[in-house]
C-alpha atoms as a PDB file:
ATOM      1  CA  MET A   1      48.891  40.254 -98.665  1.00  0.00           C
ATOM      2  CA  SER A   2      52.334  38.370 -99.838  1.00  0.00           C
ATOM      3  CA  THR A   3      51.868  36.493-103.267  1.00  0.00           C
ATOM      4  CA  LYS A   4      53.627  33.205-101.588  1.00  0.00           C
ATOM      5  CA  TYR A   5      49.753  33.048 -99.952  1.00  0.00           C
ATOM      6  CA  ILE A   6      48.150  33.974-103.194  1.00  0.00           C
ATOM      7  CA  GLU A   7      50.167  31.194-104.705  1.00  0.00           C
ATOM      8  CA  VAL A   8      49.239  28.349-102.136  1.00  0.00           C
ATOM      9  CA  GLY A   9      45.830  29.231-101.889  1.00  0.00           C
ATOM     10  CA  SER A  10      45.441  28.867-105.632  1.00  0.00           C
ATOM     11  CA  VAL A  11      46.902  25.427-105.764  1.00  0.00           C
ATOM     12  CA  LEU A  12      44.857  24.463-102.973  1.00  0.00           C
ATOM     13  CA  VAL A  13      41.980  25.773-104.843  1.00  0.00           C
ATOM     14  CA  ALA A  14      42.886  23.814-107.902  1.00  0.00           C
ATOM     15  CA  LEU A  15      43.779  20.579-106.328  1.00  0.00           C
ATOM     16  CA  ILE A  16      40.541  20.787-104.816  1.00  0.00           C
ATOM     17  CA  VAL A  17      38.342  21.627-107.957  1.00  0.00           C
ATOM     18  CA  LEU A  18      40.601  18.515-109.776  1.00  0.00           C
ATOM     19  CA  TRP A  19      39.464  16.165-106.949  1.00  0.00           C
ATOM     20  CA  LEU A  20      35.834  17.429-107.046  1.00  0.00           C
ATOM     21  CA  LEU A  21      35.719  16.547-111.150  1.00  0.00           C
ATOM     22  CA  LEU A  22      37.102  13.065-110.638  1.00  0.00           C
ATOM     23  CA  VAL A  23      34.616  12.726-107.967  1.00  0.00           C
ATOM     24  CA  PHE A  24      31.500  13.716-109.868  1.00  0.00           C
ATOM     25  CA  ILE A  25      32.709  12.521-113.226  1.00  0.00           C
ATOM     26  CA  ASN A  26      32.078   8.837-112.024  1.00  0.00           C
ATOM     27  CA  ASN A  27      28.424  10.182-110.596  1.00  0.00           C
ATOM     28  CA  PRO A  28      27.119  12.896-112.451  1.00  0.00           C
ATOM     29  CA  ILE A  29      23.578  12.941-110.649  1.00  0.00           C
ATOM     30  CA  ALA A  30      25.469  13.693-107.140  1.00  0.00           C
ATOM     31  CA  LEU A  31      27.237  16.671-109.771  1.00  0.00           C
ATOM     32  CA  ILE A  32      23.668  17.936-110.707  1.00  0.00           C
ATOM     33  CA  PHE A  33      22.162  17.162-106.859  1.00  0.00           C
ATOM     34  CA  ASN A  34      24.930  19.337-105.688  1.00  0.00           C
ATOM     35  CA  SER A  35      24.760  22.163-108.030  1.00  0.00           C
ATOM     36  CA  ILE A  36      21.182  22.563-107.716  1.00  0.00           C
ATOM     37  CA  VAL A  37      21.673  22.473-103.812  1.00  0.00           C
ATOM     38  CA  ALA A  38      24.495  24.878-103.957  1.00  0.00           C
ATOM     39  CA  ILE A  39      22.736  27.368-106.269  1.00  0.00           C
ATOM     40  CA  LEU A  40      19.492  27.011-104.053  1.00  0.00           C
ATOM     41  CA  ILE A  41      21.487  28.133-101.097  1.00  0.00           C
ATOM     42  CA  LEU A  42      23.033  30.889-102.734  1.00  0.00           C
ATOM     43  CA  PHE A  43      19.492  32.647-103.706  1.00  0.00           C
ATOM     44  CA  LEU A  44      18.110  31.588-100.082  1.00  0.00           C
ATOM     45  CA  LEU A  45      21.442  33.442 -98.142  1.00  0.00           C
ATOM     46  CA  ASN A  46      21.395  36.306-100.410  1.00  0.00           C
ATOM     47  CA  ALA A  47      17.371  36.655 -99.670  1.00  0.00           C
ATOM     48  CA  ILE A  48      17.493  36.050 -95.801  1.00  0.00           C
ATOM     49  CA  PHE A  49      20.729  37.037 -94.770  1.00  0.00           C
ATOM     50  CA  ALA A  50      21.226  39.792 -97.192  1.00  0.00           C
ATOM     51  CA  LEU A  51      25.118  38.866 -98.067  1.00  0.00           C
ATOM     52  CA  GLY A  52      25.305  41.652-101.135  1.00  0.00           C
ATOM     53  CA  ILE A  53      26.421  38.458-103.452  1.00  0.00           C
ATOM     54  CA  PRO A  54      25.417  39.624-106.982  1.00  0.00           C
ATOM     55  CA  ILE A  55      23.801  37.298-108.468  1.00  0.00           C
ATOM     56  CA  ASN A  56      25.344  37.253-112.228  1.00  0.00           C
ATOM     57  CA  ILE A  57      26.525  34.733-114.671  1.00  0.00           C
ATOM     58  CA  PHE A  58      29.763  34.457-112.832  1.00  0.00           C
ATOM     59  CA  THR A  59      28.707  33.609-109.500  1.00  0.00           C
ATOM     60  CA  VAL A  60      25.878  31.312-111.124  1.00  0.00           C
ATOM     61  CA  LEU A  61      28.749  29.300-112.975  1.00  0.00           C
ATOM     62  CA  ILE A  62      31.521  29.060-110.325  1.00  0.00           C
ATOM     63  CA  VAL A  63      28.584  27.703-107.890  1.00  0.00           C
ATOM     64  CA  ALA A  64      27.154  25.294-110.591  1.00  0.00           C
ATOM     65  CA  ILE A  65      30.365  24.177-111.154  1.00  0.00           C
ATOM     66  CA  GLY A  66      31.850  23.878-108.014  1.00  0.00           C
ATOM     67  CA  GLY A  67      29.138  23.371-105.583  1.00  0.00           C
ATOM     68  CA  ILE A  68      28.770  23.588-102.265  1.00  0.00           C
ATOM     69  CA  VAL A  69      33.123  24.608-102.206  1.00  0.00           C
ATOM     70  CA  GLY A  70      32.250  26.885-105.083  1.00  0.00           C
ATOM     71  CA  LEU A  71      29.700  28.605-102.586  1.00  0.00           C
ATOM     72  CA  LEU A  72      31.655  28.753 -99.557  1.00  0.00           C
ATOM     73  CA  LEU A  73      34.645  30.573-102.076  1.00  0.00           C
ATOM     74  CA  ILE A  74      32.600  32.971-102.844  1.00  0.00           C
ATOM     75  CA  ILE A  75      31.156  33.802 -99.757  1.00  0.00           C
ATOM     76  CA  ILE A  76      34.834  33.791 -98.175  1.00  0.00           C
ATOM     77  CA  LEU A  77      35.787  35.832-100.816  1.00  0.00           C
ATOM     78  CA  ARG A  78      33.242  38.158-100.230  1.00  0.00           C
ATOM     79  CA  LEU A  79      32.989  38.299 -96.574  1.00  0.00           C
ATOM     80  CA  MET A  80      37.256  39.130 -97.259  1.00  0.00           C
ATOM     81  CA  LYS A  81      36.469  41.702 -99.535  1.00  0.00           C
ATOM     82  CA  VAL A  82      38.282  40.270-102.020  1.00  0.00           C
ATOM     83  CA  ALA A  83      35.848  39.668-104.655  1.00  0.00           C
ATOM     84  CA  PHE A  84      32.022  40.260-105.113  1.00  0.00           C
ATOM     85  CA  VAL A  85      32.142  43.360-103.589  1.00  0.00           C
END
């Protein structure tokens, strides 16, 4: 994979995280709710569909901070066999 795509993807992820932080700082209840829902969905996806995503401190932190977007990122990286294999 070309390094250009990795750099562009990294910048896009950073911008999304920055936008999420700005939105959720104004409404911390939404951040807490989003994190709890995303962690529950992570556990359910592993239990029902057996995605094979390891439940460790790194995945839980990514999902807790990123919420649904973090969960989608983990699932995409897992399916592409880039990380969490």
